Amino acid sequence: MAIHLGPSVLHYVIGRRIDIRQAVQGQETSSRLGFQLFATATIRGPADPAGYPTMFVVDSIVPDSGTALPVTINLSAARRLTFSGVLHPDGEFHRSTPSDSAVAQALAQVLGTFRDFYPHFPAGGLKLGAMWTDTISRTDAVGAFEKLTVTAINNSHASALEDRGGIHSVRIDIGSQVTMAGSGTQGGQPLTLAGTGSRQSVEFVAVDGRYLGGETLDSTRLTITLPLQGLAVPVQQVSHATVKVLP
C-alpha cells in the first residue's frame, strides 16, 4: 500500500551546523554558524486539486553557544514569520509565500523557504523498496544574491522499515548532486556565484503519512566573483542538519 503525506499538526526542531572556509587574496578564514529552529507545520485537509493547504510558523531560532552571527542576521525578526502554500502529495510545497518577504530574504541562509522541507515521493506514493530519481531546481533571493539557482539531482531509495521515536516508519536514503549559480550586488558592486556539491540524506515517514524528520550532510565548493575588483573568492561549505519531531 502506497504512503502519501496527509493532514497533521506537528512541532519540529531543525538543527543546523554550517562550517565555512574561504580565501581572500591568499588569506584563509573560517567561520561556523549553528542554530536550532523551532517551527510548527500544519497540513489541513481535505485536499483541493492542487494539494493540501499548508502553513509553517517559525516559533523561534536559538543560536548555538559561541556562534558569532553576521550583523545582517537578526534572528528575533523571524519569530512568528509564516510560510503559506500548498503541499502536493508527492512532498513538494508549492507557492511558498512568506508573511514578510524582506525578513525571509535576509534570513534565507538560516530559514530557507520550506519548499523542500518534506522528502519527495515517486509518482503513485511511497512504497517500501521503491527506487527513483528526480531533479529539483529552485531560484530564490538569498542575502546579497537577488537570484540564486540551486539544482539537485536526487537518487532515492525507500530502503527499510524502522522505528523512529517508537513510530513505525519507512526509511528513505537519498544521494544528491548539486549545482549552484547566482548573481547579485553588495555595496553597489556586482557579484556572481558558481559551485557544485554533494548531499547525503536519511528521511523517515510514518506509515500513516506523517513526516518524522531525518538527517542531511552536504559539502559544497563554490566561487564568489567580484568582477569590478578582479577578485575571485573560493569558498568551501560543509553543512549538517537534523529534523526531529517534538512532543
Foldseek 3Di string as FASTA:
>chain_A
DFAWAAFDKFKKKKWKKKKKWKAWPRDIDIFIWIKIWIKIKGFDDDADPQATKIKIFTQFIGTDPPHDDDPLQDRVVRHRWMWIAHAHRQGFGPPTDIPDVVNCQSCCVPPPRCRRVGPGHDPPHDDAFDKDWDKDWDWPRHHQWRTKIKIKIKIKTQHDWDQDVNATWTKMKIKIKMWMWTWGDDPNFIKIKTKIKIKIWIWIAGRNNRTAKTKMKMKMWMWMDGVVVRIIMIMIMIMIMIMGTDD
